[in-house]
Amino acid sequence: MTVDIAQSCPGLFDAAGAEALSRVLQSSYMRRDDEHAVSASTMAEQLEAAYRAGSGGKGTVVAPCVVTGQVGSGRSAEIRMSVIGHGADPGGGVPSGAEKGVRESRREKAGGVAFDCVSPALGSTAEAPLRIDVTFENQWSRSDDDGKLATAYLTIARSAARAVAAELNCTGGGGLTG
């Protein structure tokens, strides 16, 4: 099924994220496999369930959203987006000061954003936040120069991080800026 970028991973991409994804995939329409069209609300529900299960969400990898864009003459690109929770461990350990706050990372064909979610609805606190890493990976081996796309990778990850933070009702949006 061919869909608009905004429908490829429902709720994950704001206008800037969708524009960056279009630039990375060189396409404004995506092929969506409904099995892999994981939404922001589904990712948030999975993180919430893991946090409430007693592990604080630590080590939880939620279902990724996989998007394929038509590039050139039938070539395709895949994007895998996953959210990993790192809450307090049951033994009382919490992220250290160096691990707290908003952190961005870059590596070849990927960009990531990590943040702390304090949410009364979720039950996380400043002492035991749900630490969330959102990673965007470009799986297409023949994409444009990676250096030119590094900013786009972070823009896509930021968009997804803000969407998940909003779904979880993180205080202050998890410290993520618009």
Foldseek 3Di string as FASTA:
>chain_A
DKDFQCQQQPQQADPLLLVLVCVFWVHRIWDHDVVQNHYLLNLLVQQLVCCVVQQNQQFDKDRWHWIWGQDDPRDIKIKTKIKGWRWAGNVQRGDDPVLAAWDWDDDQQKIKIKFWFAAVVSPAHPSITTIMMIMIGIRDPPTPDRVVSRVSRHSSNLSNLLSNLVSRVGVVSRNRDD
